[in-house]
């Protein structure tokens, strides 16, 4: 059958193995120090490996290939786990099963807006304010809606209309201390991790941008290569939406500094 599948340029491959670890299905292996697609039927064509490749050696092509065999992939994952292979393969599979069992009425997925009032100063009530208490009064949550996970957020949620959208890698809020005030304030925030979540965010993000009056898009990602998946998905969604929306990319280092 003709289908979309990855292709690895052996000249560009530097043997870093990042794609091997990113491929939860076990389709990629190392041969003579280079990454290679070992089995077509293990490649689901979703491209989790693309954003982690530092040299751009991996691309999508459409060609004759065996159909994706989910049953064979799951069996391979079980064998790998049993033989002491990469635990994250089996964990990833378990994550897929957990989502399938999630009830439609899960309270954690219910959409709602969050309205916050300005915090009144406590100076008149406390004669002496220490630096710790002062900091505590200013560090208020700026989250304006629920849910926040890209996979869970409703495409047509009312809070998207007229919103300045923040699309963030979930690690970034932990790395950057003043994330709420510097990035989330007055924005609708959605988060994700392309290394841990299934598939590509671009389709969901395209629907959000196309079906709502989004005023701007800010992407906050970490400097690690796998975070390129967030950036790639947003850029693709902006292109596919057919809209001219102002956007920017902000990159955070592991020690919490803005580097771009």
C-alpha atoms as a PDB file:
ATOM      1  CA  UNK A   1       0.000   0.000   0.000  1.00  0.00           C
ATOM      2  CA  UNK A   2       1.061   3.631  -0.559  1.00  0.00           C
ATOM      3  CA  UNK A   3       1.257   5.523   2.721  1.00  0.00           C
ATOM      4  CA  UNK A   4       3.177   8.198   4.626  1.00  0.00           C
ATOM      5  CA  UNK A   5       6.280   6.858   6.335  1.00  0.00           C
ATOM      6  CA  UNK A   6       9.602   8.216   7.590  1.00  0.00           C
ATOM      7  CA  UNK A   7      12.846   8.251   5.635  1.00  0.00           C
ATOM      8  CA  UNK A   8      16.280   8.682   7.244  1.00  0.00           C
ATOM      9  CA  UNK A   9      19.062  10.383   5.268  1.00  0.00           C
ATOM     10  CA  UNK A  10      22.178   8.386   6.105  1.00  0.00           C
ATOM     11  CA  UNK A  11      24.450  11.256   5.078  1.00  0.00           C
ATOM     12  CA  UNK A  12      22.847  13.651   7.558  1.00  0.00           C
ATOM     13  CA  UNK A  13      22.482  11.147  10.417  1.00  0.00           C
ATOM     14  CA  UNK A  14      25.076  11.739  13.150  1.00  0.00           C
ATOM     15  CA  UNK A  15      24.258   8.601  15.142  1.00  0.00           C
ATOM     16  CA  UNK A  16      22.926  10.439  18.202  1.00  0.00           C
ATOM     17  CA  UNK A  17      20.183   7.814  18.816  1.00  0.00           C
ATOM     18  CA  UNK A  18      17.596  10.416  19.813  1.00  0.00           C
ATOM     19  CA  UNK A  19      15.173   9.121  17.188  1.00  0.00           C
ATOM     20  CA  UNK A  20      15.592   5.550  18.442  1.00  0.00           C
ATOM     21  CA  UNK A  21      14.490   6.627  21.912  1.00  0.00           C
ATOM     22  CA  UNK A  22      11.671   8.792  20.519  1.00  0.00           C
ATOM     23  CA  UNK A  23      10.206   5.953  18.453  1.00  0.00           C
ATOM     24  CA  UNK A  24       7.891   4.308  20.966  1.00  0.00           C
ATOM     25  CA  UNK A  25       6.971   1.595  18.475  1.00  0.00           C
ATOM     26  CA  UNK A  26      10.557   0.361  18.043  1.00  0.00           C
ATOM     27  CA  UNK A  27      10.650   0.935  14.284  1.00  0.00           C
ATOM     28  CA  UNK A  28      14.092   2.578  14.305  1.00  0.00           C
ATOM     29  CA  UNK A  29      17.388   0.897  15.160  1.00  0.00           C
ATOM     30  CA  UNK A  30      21.103   1.577  14.848  1.00  0.00           C
ATOM     31  CA  UNK A  31      23.114  -0.037  12.055  1.00  0.00           C
ATOM     32  CA  UNK A  32      26.839   0.735  11.737  1.00  0.00           C
ATOM     33  CA  UNK A  33      26.429   3.831  13.885  1.00  0.00           C
ATOM     34  CA  UNK A  34      23.516   5.236  11.853  1.00  0.00           C
ATOM     35  CA  UNK A  35      19.788   5.299  12.523  1.00  0.00           C
ATOM     36  CA  UNK A  36      17.751   3.099  10.198  1.00  0.00           C
ATOM     37  CA  UNK A  37      14.070   2.277   9.759  1.00  0.00           C
ATOM     38  CA  UNK A  38      14.094  -1.418  10.576  1.00  0.00           C
ATOM     39  CA  UNK A  39      10.472  -2.346   9.876  1.00  0.00           C
ATOM     40  CA  UNK A  40       7.855  -0.483   7.867  1.00  0.00           C
ATOM     41  CA  UNK A  41       5.005  -2.159   9.755  1.00  0.00           C
ATOM     42  CA  UNK A  42       6.269  -0.712  13.050  1.00  0.00           C
ATOM     43  CA  UNK A  43       6.202   2.896  11.764  1.00  0.00           C
ATOM     44  CA  UNK A  44       2.834   4.568  12.449  1.00  0.00           C
ATOM     45  CA  UNK A  45       3.681   7.586  10.280  1.00  0.00           C
ATOM     46  CA  UNK A  46       3.037  10.093  13.085  1.00  0.00           C
ATOM     47  CA  UNK A  47       6.646  11.234  13.231  1.00  0.00           C
ATOM     48  CA  UNK A  48       7.497  11.411  16.953  1.00  0.00           C
ATOM     49  CA  UNK A  49      11.098  11.038  15.777  1.00  0.00           C
ATOM     50  CA  UNK A  50      11.133  14.115  13.512  1.00  0.00           C
ATOM     51  CA  UNK A  51      11.353  16.913  16.098  1.00  0.00           C
ATOM     52  CA  UNK A  52      14.158  15.248  18.081  1.00  0.00           C
ATOM     53  CA  UNK A  53      16.545  14.872  15.125  1.00  0.00           C
ATOM     54  CA  UNK A  54      19.200  17.608  15.477  1.00  0.00           C
ATOM     55  CA  UNK A  55      20.430  17.331  11.877  1.00  0.00           C
ATOM     56  CA  UNK A  56      17.137  17.196   9.976  1.00  0.00           C
ATOM     57  CA  UNK A  57      17.935  13.718   8.691  1.00  0.00           C
ATOM     58  CA  UNK A  58      14.356  12.460   9.080  1.00  0.00           C
ATOM     59  CA  UNK A  59      11.569  13.399   6.674  1.00  0.00           C
ATOM     60  CA  UNK A  60       8.204  12.045   5.596  1.00  0.00           C
ATOM     61  CA  UNK A  61       7.774  10.355   2.221  1.00  0.00           C
ATOM     62  CA  UNK A  62       4.866   8.613   0.570  1.00  0.00           C
ATOM     63  CA  UNK A  63       5.830   5.229  -0.847  1.00  0.00           C
ATOM     64  CA  UNK A  64       4.899   1.587  -1.050  1.00  0.00           C
ATOM     65  CA  UNK A  65       5.136   0.217   2.503  1.00  0.00           C
ATOM     66  CA  UNK A  66       3.658  -2.486   4.693  1.00  0.00           C
ATOM     67  CA  UNK A  67       0.618  -1.366   6.653  1.00  0.00           C
ATOM     68  CA  UNK A  68       1.143  -0.327  10.267  1.00  0.00           C
ATOM     69  CA  UNK A  69       0.662  -3.435  12.421  1.00  0.00           C
ATOM     70  CA  UNK A  70      -0.444  -2.249  15.852  1.00  0.00           C
ATOM     71  CA  UNK A  71      -0.761  -5.789  17.193  1.00  0.00           C
ATOM     72  CA  UNK A  72       2.825  -6.608  16.220  1.00  0.00           C
ATOM     73  CA  UNK A  73       4.029  -3.340  17.742  1.00  0.00           C
ATOM     74  CA  UNK A  74       2.310  -4.060  21.044  1.00  0.00           C
ATOM     75  CA  UNK A  75       3.802  -7.544  21.135  1.00  0.00           C
ATOM     76  CA  UNK A  76       7.240  -6.070  20.439  1.00  0.00           C
ATOM     77  CA  UNK A  77       6.762  -3.598  23.286  1.00  0.00           C
ATOM     78  CA  UNK A  78       5.842  -6.409  25.666  1.00  0.00           C
ATOM     79  CA  UNK A  79       8.903  -8.414  24.659  1.00  0.00           C
ATOM     80  CA  UNK A  80      11.184  -5.389  25.029  1.00  0.00           C
ATOM     81  CA  UNK A  81       9.863  -4.705  28.516  1.00  0.00           C
ATOM     82  CA  UNK A  82      10.165  -8.365  29.519  1.00  0.00           C
ATOM     83  CA  UNK A  83      13.737  -8.507  28.249  1.00  0.00           C
ATOM     84  CA  UNK A  84      14.751  -5.348  30.067  1.00  0.00           C
ATOM     85  CA  UNK A  85      14.308  -3.055  27.087  1.00  0.00           C
ATOM     86  CA  UNK A  86      13.246   0.599  27.158  1.00  0.00           C
ATOM     87  CA  UNK A  87      10.620   0.899  29.865  1.00  0.00           C
ATOM     88  CA  UNK A  88       9.154   3.980  28.244  1.00  0.00           C
ATOM     89  CA  UNK A  89       7.907   1.874  25.340  1.00  0.00           C
ATOM     90  CA  UNK A  90       5.664  -0.156  27.567  1.00  0.00           C
ATOM     91  CA  UNK A  91       4.741   2.897  29.565  1.00  0.00           C
ATOM     92  CA  UNK A  92       3.709   4.689  26.396  1.00  0.00           C
ATOM     93  CA  UNK A  93       1.481   1.773  25.432  1.00  0.00           C
ATOM     94  CA  UNK A  94      -0.087   1.804  28.876  1.00  0.00           C
ATOM     95  CA  UNK A  95      -0.800   5.498  28.453  1.00  0.00           C
ATOM     96  CA  UNK A  96      -2.738   4.768  25.266  1.00  0.00           C
ATOM     97  CA  UNK A  97      -4.850   2.143  27.032  1.00  0.00           C
ATOM     98  CA  UNK A  98      -5.566   4.482  29.937  1.00  0.00           C
ATOM     99  CA  UNK A  99      -6.863   7.135  27.548  1.00  0.00           C
ATOM    100  CA  UNK A 100      -9.122   4.616  25.833  1.00  0.00           C
ATOM    101  CA  UNK A 101     -10.708   3.773  29.209  1.00  0.00           C
ATOM    102  CA  UNK A 102     -11.225   7.414  30.186  1.00  0.00           C
ATOM    103  CA  UNK A 103     -14.966   8.079  30.702  1.00  0.00           C
ATOM    104  CA  UNK A 104     -16.464  10.815  28.548  1.00  0.00           C
ATOM    105  CA  UNK A 105     -17.746  12.596  31.633  1.00  0.00           C
ATOM    106  CA  UNK A 106     -14.360  12.893  33.336  1.00  0.00           C
ATOM    107  CA  UNK A 107     -14.493  15.997  35.590  1.00  0.00           C
ATOM    108  CA  UNK A 108     -10.895  16.799  34.711  1.00  0.00           C
ATOM    109  CA  UNK A 109     -11.866  17.341  31.069  1.00  0.00           C
ATOM    110  CA  UNK A 110     -14.813  19.667  31.719  1.00  0.00           C
ATOM    111  CA  UNK A 111     -14.258  23.056  30.114  1.00  0.00           C
ATOM    112  CA  UNK A 112     -14.568  26.156  32.269  1.00  0.00           C
ATOM    113  CA  UNK A 113     -13.324  29.729  32.448  1.00  0.00           C
ATOM    114  CA  UNK A 114     -11.560  31.070  35.525  1.00  0.00           C
ATOM    115  CA  UNK A 115     -12.124  34.682  36.551  1.00  0.00           C
ATOM    116  CA  UNK A 116      -9.574  36.261  38.861  1.00  0.00           C
ATOM    117  CA  UNK A 117      -9.922  39.475  40.847  1.00  0.00           C
ATOM    118  CA  UNK A 118      -7.053  41.788  41.563  1.00  0.00           C
ATOM    119  CA  UNK A 119      -5.361  40.925  44.860  1.00  0.00           C
ATOM    120  CA  UNK A 120      -5.821  43.581  47.511  1.00  0.00           C
ATOM    121  CA  UNK A 121      -2.735  44.784  49.314  1.00  0.00           C
ATOM    122  CA  UNK A 122      -2.315  43.373  52.834  1.00  0.00           C
ATOM    123  CA  UNK A 123      -0.153  46.291  53.953  1.00  0.00           C
ATOM    124  CA  UNK A 124      -2.949  47.877  56.037  1.00  0.00           C
ATOM    125  CA  UNK A 125      -3.531  44.613  57.882  1.00  0.00           C
ATOM    126  CA  UNK A 126       0.087  43.691  58.631  1.00  0.00           C
ATOM    127  CA  UNK A 127       2.458  46.201  60.225  1.00  0.00           C
ATOM    128  CA  UNK A 128       5.555  44.370  58.990  1.00  0.00           C
ATOM    129  CA  UNK A 129       5.786  42.486  55.679  1.00  0.00           C
ATOM    130  CA  UNK A 130       8.733  40.211  55.154  1.00  0.00           C
ATOM    131  CA  UNK A 131      10.208  39.547  51.720  1.00  0.00           C
ATOM    132  CA  UNK A 132       8.718  36.035  51.819  1.00  0.00           C
ATOM    133  CA  UNK A 133       5.174  37.232  52.547  1.00  0.00           C
ATOM    134  CA  UNK A 134       5.450  39.998  49.946  1.00  0.00           C
ATOM    135  CA  UNK A 135       6.467  37.480  47.317  1.00  0.00           C
ATOM    136  CA  UNK A 136       3.626  35.188  48.333  1.00  0.00           C
ATOM    137  CA  UNK A 137       1.024  37.930  47.784  1.00  0.00           C
ATOM    138  CA  UNK A 138       2.272  38.737  44.268  1.00  0.00           C
ATOM    139  CA  UNK A 139       2.688  35.177  42.951  1.00  0.00           C
ATOM    140  CA  UNK A 140      -0.955  34.617  42.037  1.00  0.00           C
ATOM    141  CA  UNK A 141      -1.978  32.069  39.415  1.00  0.00           C
ATOM    142  CA  UNK A 142      -2.705  33.586  36.011  1.00  0.00           C
ATOM    143  CA  UNK A 143      -4.492  30.522  34.642  1.00  0.00           C
ATOM    144  CA  UNK A 144      -7.688  31.667  32.948  1.00  0.00           C
ATOM    145  CA  UNK A 145      -9.281  28.397  31.847  1.00  0.00           C
ATOM    146  CA  UNK A 146      -9.470  24.638  32.262  1.00  0.00           C
ATOM    147  CA  UNK A 147      -8.363  22.150  30.967  1.00  0.00           C
ATOM    148  CA  UNK A 148      -4.855  23.116  29.879  1.00  0.00           C
ATOM    149  CA  UNK A 149      -3.586  19.973  28.138  1.00  0.00           C
ATOM    150  CA  UNK A 150      -3.647  20.322  24.341  1.00  0.00           C
ATOM    151  CA  UNK A 151      -5.061  16.815  24.066  1.00  0.00           C
ATOM    152  CA  UNK A 152      -7.986  17.629  26.372  1.00  0.00           C
ATOM    153  CA  UNK A 153      -8.901  21.222  25.566  1.00  0.00           C
ATOM    154  CA  UNK A 154     -12.155  21.605  23.555  1.00  0.00           C
ATOM    155  CA  UNK A 155     -11.575  23.097  20.098  1.00  0.00           C
ATOM    156  CA  UNK A 156     -14.610  25.396  20.319  1.00  0.00           C
ATOM    157  CA  UNK A 157     -14.273  26.458  23.958  1.00  0.00           C
ATOM    158  CA  UNK A 158     -15.695  29.995  24.339  1.00  0.00           C
ATOM    159  CA  UNK A 159     -12.569  31.339  26.016  1.00  0.00           C
ATOM    160  CA  UNK A 160     -10.626  30.965  22.744  1.00  0.00           C
ATOM    161  CA  UNK A 161     -12.549  33.765  21.018  1.00  0.00           C
ATOM    162  CA  UNK A 162     -10.542  36.967  21.146  1.00  0.00           C
ATOM    163  CA  UNK A 163      -7.766  35.233  23.079  1.00  0.00           C
ATOM    164  CA  UNK A 164      -4.038  35.712  23.040  1.00  0.00           C
ATOM    165  CA  UNK A 165      -2.951  32.090  22.987  1.00  0.00           C
ATOM    166  CA  UNK A 166       0.038  30.671  24.870  1.00  0.00           C
ATOM    167  CA  UNK A 167       1.228  27.253  23.702  1.00  0.00           C
ATOM    168  CA  UNK A 168       3.817  25.995  26.172  1.00  0.00           C
ATOM    169  CA  UNK A 169       5.983  22.948  26.714  1.00  0.00           C
ATOM    170  CA  UNK A 170       4.891  21.651  30.099  1.00  0.00           C
ATOM    171  CA  UNK A 171       8.449  21.687  31.519  1.00  0.00           C
ATOM    172  CA  UNK A 172       8.856  25.404  30.830  1.00  0.00           C
ATOM    173  CA  UNK A 173       6.688  26.502  33.760  1.00  0.00           C
ATOM    174  CA  UNK A 174       8.963  24.587  36.137  1.00  0.00           C
ATOM    175  CA  UNK A 175      12.185  25.905  34.630  1.00  0.00           C
ATOM    176  CA  UNK A 176      11.165  29.578  34.526  1.00  0.00           C
ATOM    177  CA  UNK A 177      10.308  30.928  37.973  1.00  0.00           C
ATOM    178  CA  UNK A 178       7.987  33.810  37.049  1.00  0.00           C
ATOM    179  CA  UNK A 179       6.191  31.917  34.279  1.00  0.00           C
ATOM    180  CA  UNK A 180       2.695  32.972  35.343  1.00  0.00           C
ATOM    181  CA  UNK A 181       3.346  36.710  35.382  1.00  0.00           C
ATOM    182  CA  UNK A 182       5.716  36.898  32.419  1.00  0.00           C
ATOM    183  CA  UNK A 183       3.985  34.526  30.011  1.00  0.00           C
ATOM    184  CA  UNK A 184       0.516  33.433  31.168  1.00  0.00           C
ATOM    185  CA  UNK A 185      -0.944  36.762  32.243  1.00  0.00           C
ATOM    186  CA  UNK A 186      -3.892  37.800  30.036  1.00  0.00           C
ATOM    187  CA  UNK A 187      -3.474  34.716  27.852  1.00  0.00           C
ATOM    188  CA  UNK A 188      -5.274  31.427  27.376  1.00  0.00           C
ATOM    189  CA  UNK A 189      -2.705  28.739  28.147  1.00  0.00           C
ATOM    190  CA  UNK A 190      -2.449  25.264  26.667  1.00  0.00           C
ATOM    191  CA  UNK A 191       0.431  22.883  27.320  1.00  0.00           C
ATOM    192  CA  UNK A 192       1.879  19.629  26.060  1.00  0.00           C
ATOM    193  CA  UNK A 193       4.967  17.475  25.651  1.00  0.00           C
ATOM    194  CA  UNK A 194       5.612  16.114  22.140  1.00  0.00           C
ATOM    195  CA  UNK A 195       7.946  13.459  23.515  1.00  0.00           C
ATOM    196  CA  UNK A 196       5.336  11.929  25.824  1.00  0.00           C
ATOM    197  CA  UNK A 197       2.032  12.537  24.015  1.00  0.00           C
ATOM    198  CA  UNK A 198       0.828  10.463  21.082  1.00  0.00           C
ATOM    199  CA  UNK A 199       0.818  11.924  17.575  1.00  0.00           C
ATOM    200  CA  UNK A 200       1.165  15.444  16.257  1.00  0.00           C
ATOM    201  CA  UNK A 201      -0.451  18.494  17.871  1.00  0.00           C
ATOM    202  CA  UNK A 202      -0.750  20.380  14.573  1.00  0.00           C
ATOM    203  CA  UNK A 203      -4.196  19.028  13.640  1.00  0.00           C
ATOM    204  CA  UNK A 204      -5.732  20.063  16.983  1.00  0.00           C
ATOM    205  CA  UNK A 205      -3.983  23.437  16.924  1.00  0.00           C
ATOM    206  CA  UNK A 206      -5.096  24.058  13.344  1.00  0.00           C
ATOM    207  CA  UNK A 207      -8.711  23.498  14.384  1.00  0.00           C
ATOM    208  CA  UNK A 208      -8.340  25.900  17.317  1.00  0.00           C
ATOM    209  CA  UNK A 209      -6.840  28.628  15.138  1.00  0.00           C
ATOM    210  CA  UNK A 210      -9.242  28.104  12.234  1.00  0.00           C
ATOM    211  CA  UNK A 211     -12.435  28.019  14.305  1.00  0.00           C
ATOM    212  CA  UNK A 212     -11.749  30.855  16.735  1.00  0.00           C
ATOM    213  CA  UNK A 213     -10.748  34.512  16.664  1.00  0.00           C
ATOM    214  CA  UNK A 214      -7.219  34.079  18.044  1.00  0.00           C
ATOM    215  CA  UNK A 215      -5.427  37.435  18.332  1.00  0.00           C
ATOM    216  CA  UNK A 216      -1.844  36.179  18.781  1.00  0.00           C
ATOM    217  CA  UNK A 217       0.141  33.025  19.479  1.00  0.00           C
ATOM    218  CA  UNK A 218       3.135  32.773  21.802  1.00  0.00           C
ATOM    219  CA  UNK A 219       5.125  29.549  21.971  1.00  0.00           C
ATOM    220  CA  UNK A 220       7.289  28.897  25.044  1.00  0.00           C
ATOM    221  CA  UNK A 221       9.535  25.849  24.644  1.00  0.00           C
ATOM    222  CA  UNK A 222      12.604  24.406  26.297  1.00  0.00           C
ATOM    223  CA  UNK A 223      15.991  24.365  24.584  1.00  0.00           C
ATOM    224  CA  UNK A 224      16.023  20.540  24.341  1.00  0.00           C
ATOM    225  CA  UNK A 225      15.560  19.119  20.813  1.00  0.00           C
ATOM    226  CA  UNK A 226      12.335  17.236  21.543  1.00  0.00           C
ATOM    227  CA  UNK A 227      10.608  20.545  22.320  1.00  0.00           C
ATOM    228  CA  UNK A 228      10.958  21.335  18.626  1.00  0.00           C
ATOM    229  CA  UNK A 229       7.776  19.298  18.220  1.00  0.00           C
ATOM    230  CA  UNK A 230       5.739  22.038  19.917  1.00  0.00           C
ATOM    231  CA  UNK A 231       7.246  24.729  17.704  1.00  0.00           C
ATOM    232  CA  UNK A 232       6.845  22.645  14.543  1.00  0.00           C
ATOM    233  CA  UNK A 233       3.187  21.908  15.333  1.00  0.00           C
ATOM    234  CA  UNK A 234       2.335  25.575  15.927  1.00  0.00           C
ATOM    235  CA  UNK A 235       4.064  26.752  12.745  1.00  0.00           C
ATOM    236  CA  UNK A 236       2.279  24.056  10.744  1.00  0.00           C
ATOM    237  CA  UNK A 237      -1.058  24.969  12.335  1.00  0.00           C
ATOM    238  CA  UNK A 238      -0.577  28.653  11.547  1.00  0.00           C
ATOM    239  CA  UNK A 239       0.091  27.772   7.915  1.00  0.00           C
ATOM    240  CA  UNK A 240      -2.843  25.360   7.675  1.00  0.00           C
ATOM    241  CA  UNK A 241      -5.302  27.722   9.353  1.00  0.00           C
ATOM    242  CA  UNK A 242      -5.094  30.166   6.451  1.00  0.00           C
ATOM    243  CA  UNK A 243      -5.016  33.101   8.869  1.00  0.00           C
ATOM    244  CA  UNK A 244      -2.443  35.845   9.397  1.00  0.00           C
ATOM    245  CA  UNK A 245      -1.931  35.683  13.165  1.00  0.00           C
ATOM    246  CA  UNK A 246       1.032  37.362  14.916  1.00  0.00           C
ATOM    247  CA  UNK A 247       3.237  34.787  16.626  1.00  0.00           C
ATOM    248  CA  UNK A 248       6.522  34.453  18.472  1.00  0.00           C
ATOM    249  CA  UNK A 249       8.791  31.726  19.829  1.00  0.00           C
ATOM    250  CA  UNK A 250      10.482  31.999  23.242  1.00  0.00           C
ATOM    251  CA  UNK A 251      13.069  29.408  24.269  1.00  0.00           C
ATOM    252  CA  UNK A 252      13.951  28.679  27.899  1.00  0.00           C
ATOM    253  CA  UNK A 253      17.206  27.077  29.006  1.00  0.00           C
ATOM    254  CA  UNK A 254      17.288  24.268  31.563  1.00  0.00           C
ATOM    255  CA  UNK A 255      18.559  26.731  34.180  1.00  0.00           C
ATOM    256  CA  UNK A 256      15.593  29.028  33.617  1.00  0.00           C
ATOM    257  CA  UNK A 257      17.025  31.702  31.330  1.00  0.00           C
ATOM    258  CA  UNK A 258      15.383  33.117  28.201  1.00  0.00           C
ATOM    259  CA  UNK A 259      17.826  32.346  25.398  1.00  0.00           C
ATOM    260  CA  UNK A 260      15.743  33.344  22.365  1.00  0.00           C
END
